[in-house]
Amino acid sequence: MEDAPLPLEPAADLLVDVADLDRAGNALDMRRARLLATLKRMDLAPLGYSSFRAFCSSGSSRPKLAF
């Protein structure tokens, strides 16, 4: 029993889905870039970092909150 070739419509739908995923990834990258730009401009001392460079070099994904 041979596999029948995929009809054109499901293949086209798959291509649209892949394009949508790519756009979503780009949007996420832009959100990350805006967040980093905001962090670079703000005072990070309340979070426990002396500078943006110290924040970046810490490698921690969780900020140290000082209340």
C-alpha atoms as a PDB file:
ATOM      1  CA  MET A   1       0.000   0.000   0.000  1.00  0.00           C
ATOM      2  CA  GLU A   2       1.560   3.265  -1.129  1.00  0.00           C
ATOM      3  CA  ASP A   3       1.159   6.504   0.764  1.00  0.00           C
ATOM      4  CA  ALA A   4      -0.920   8.960  -1.181  1.00  0.00           C
ATOM      5  CA  PRO A   5       0.641  12.395  -1.669  1.00  0.00           C
ATOM      6  CA  LEU A   6      -0.722  15.093   0.579  1.00  0.00           C
ATOM      7  CA  PRO A   7      -3.369  17.276  -1.000  1.00  0.00           C
ATOM      8  CA  LEU A   8      -2.278  20.834  -1.650  1.00  0.00           C
ATOM      9  CA  GLU A   9      -4.621  22.441   0.884  1.00  0.00           C
ATOM     10  CA  PRO A  10      -3.201  20.770   4.052  1.00  0.00           C
ATOM     11  CA  ALA A  11       0.339  21.533   2.835  1.00  0.00           C
ATOM     12  CA  ALA A  12      -0.621  25.188   2.307  1.00  0.00           C
ATOM     13  CA  ASP A  13      -2.231  25.287   5.763  1.00  0.00           C
ATOM     14  CA  LEU A  14       0.958  23.868   7.255  1.00  0.00           C
ATOM     15  CA  LEU A  15       2.998  26.576   5.536  1.00  0.00           C
ATOM     16  CA  VAL A  16       0.676  29.259   6.943  1.00  0.00           C
ATOM     17  CA  ASP A  17       1.073  27.739  10.421  1.00  0.00           C
ATOM     18  CA  VAL A  18       4.867  27.807  10.104  1.00  0.00           C
ATOM     19  CA  ALA A  19       4.757  31.460   9.023  1.00  0.00           C
ATOM     20  CA  ASP A  20       2.528  32.296  12.005  1.00  0.00           C
ATOM     21  CA  LEU A  21       4.974  30.606  14.376  1.00  0.00           C
ATOM     22  CA  ASP A  22       7.833  32.602  12.871  1.00  0.00           C
ATOM     23  CA  ARG A  23       5.945  35.870  13.379  1.00  0.00           C
ATOM     24  CA  ALA A  24       5.179  34.904  16.987  1.00  0.00           C
ATOM     25  CA  GLY A  25       8.873  34.239  17.585  1.00  0.00           C
ATOM     26  CA  ASN A  26       9.759  37.649  16.168  1.00  0.00           C
ATOM     27  CA  ALA A  27       7.186  39.311  18.426  1.00  0.00           C
ATOM     28  CA  LEU A  28       8.659  37.545  21.436  1.00  0.00           C
ATOM     29  CA  ASP A  29      12.159  38.688  20.458  1.00  0.00           C
ATOM     30  CA  MET A  30      10.889  42.279  20.232  1.00  0.00           C
ATOM     31  CA  ARG A  31       9.304  42.031  23.707  1.00  0.00           C
ATOM     32  CA  ARG A  32      12.584  40.763  25.128  1.00  0.00           C
ATOM     33  CA  ALA A  33      14.478  43.582  23.432  1.00  0.00           C
ATOM     34  CA  ARG A  34      12.092  46.205  24.854  1.00  0.00           C
ATOM     35  CA  LEU A  35      12.375  44.682  28.327  1.00  0.00           C
ATOM     36  CA  LEU A  36      16.182  44.732  28.179  1.00  0.00           C
ATOM     37  CA  ALA A  37      16.137  48.332  26.919  1.00  0.00           C
ATOM     38  CA  THR A  38      13.909  49.309  29.850  1.00  0.00           C
ATOM     39  CA  LEU A  39      16.140  47.512  32.347  1.00  0.00           C
ATOM     40  CA  LYS A  40      19.208  49.213  30.872  1.00  0.00           C
ATOM     41  CA  ARG A  41      17.695  52.660  31.548  1.00  0.00           C
ATOM     42  CA  MET A  42      16.389  52.024  35.064  1.00  0.00           C
ATOM     43  CA  ASP A  43      18.138  51.950  38.431  1.00  0.00           C
ATOM     44  CA  LEU A  44      18.685  48.274  39.266  1.00  0.00           C
ATOM     45  CA  ALA A  45      19.857  48.876  42.850  1.00  0.00           C
ATOM     46  CA  PRO A  46      16.430  47.931  44.316  1.00  0.00           C
ATOM     47  CA  LEU A  47      16.853  44.574  42.572  1.00  0.00           C
ATOM     48  CA  GLY A  48      20.291  44.084  44.110  1.00  0.00           C
ATOM     49  CA  TYR A  49      22.474  44.998  41.120  1.00  0.00           C
ATOM     50  CA  SER A  50      24.938  47.869  41.014  1.00  0.00           C
ATOM     51  CA  SER A  51      24.656  48.278  37.239  1.00  0.00           C
ATOM     52  CA  PHE A  52      23.141  46.823  34.096  1.00  0.00           C
ATOM     53  CA  ARG A  53      26.440  45.069  33.403  1.00  0.00           C
ATOM     54  CA  ALA A  54      26.274  43.405  36.840  1.00  0.00           C
ATOM     55  CA  PHE A  55      22.714  42.321  36.074  1.00  0.00           C
ATOM     56  CA  CYS A  56      23.757  40.781  32.741  1.00  0.00           C
ATOM     57  CA  SER A  57      26.820  39.038  34.141  1.00  0.00           C
ATOM     58  CA  SER A  58      24.918  37.509  37.055  1.00  0.00           C
ATOM     59  CA  GLY A  59      23.322  34.943  34.745  1.00  0.00           C
ATOM     60  CA  SER A  60      20.387  34.650  37.110  1.00  0.00           C
ATOM     61  CA  SER A  61      16.919  34.511  35.608  1.00  0.00           C
ATOM     62  CA  ARG A  62      15.327  35.491  38.910  1.00  0.00           C
ATOM     63  CA  PRO A  63      15.860  39.016  40.249  1.00  0.00           C
ATOM     64  CA  LYS A  64      16.733  39.542  43.890  1.00  0.00           C
ATOM     65  CA  LEU A  65      13.959  41.733  45.216  1.00  0.00           C
ATOM     66  CA  ALA A  66      14.787  44.012  48.129  1.00  0.00           C
ATOM     67  CA  PHE A  67      11.726  45.450  49.865  1.00  0.00           C
END
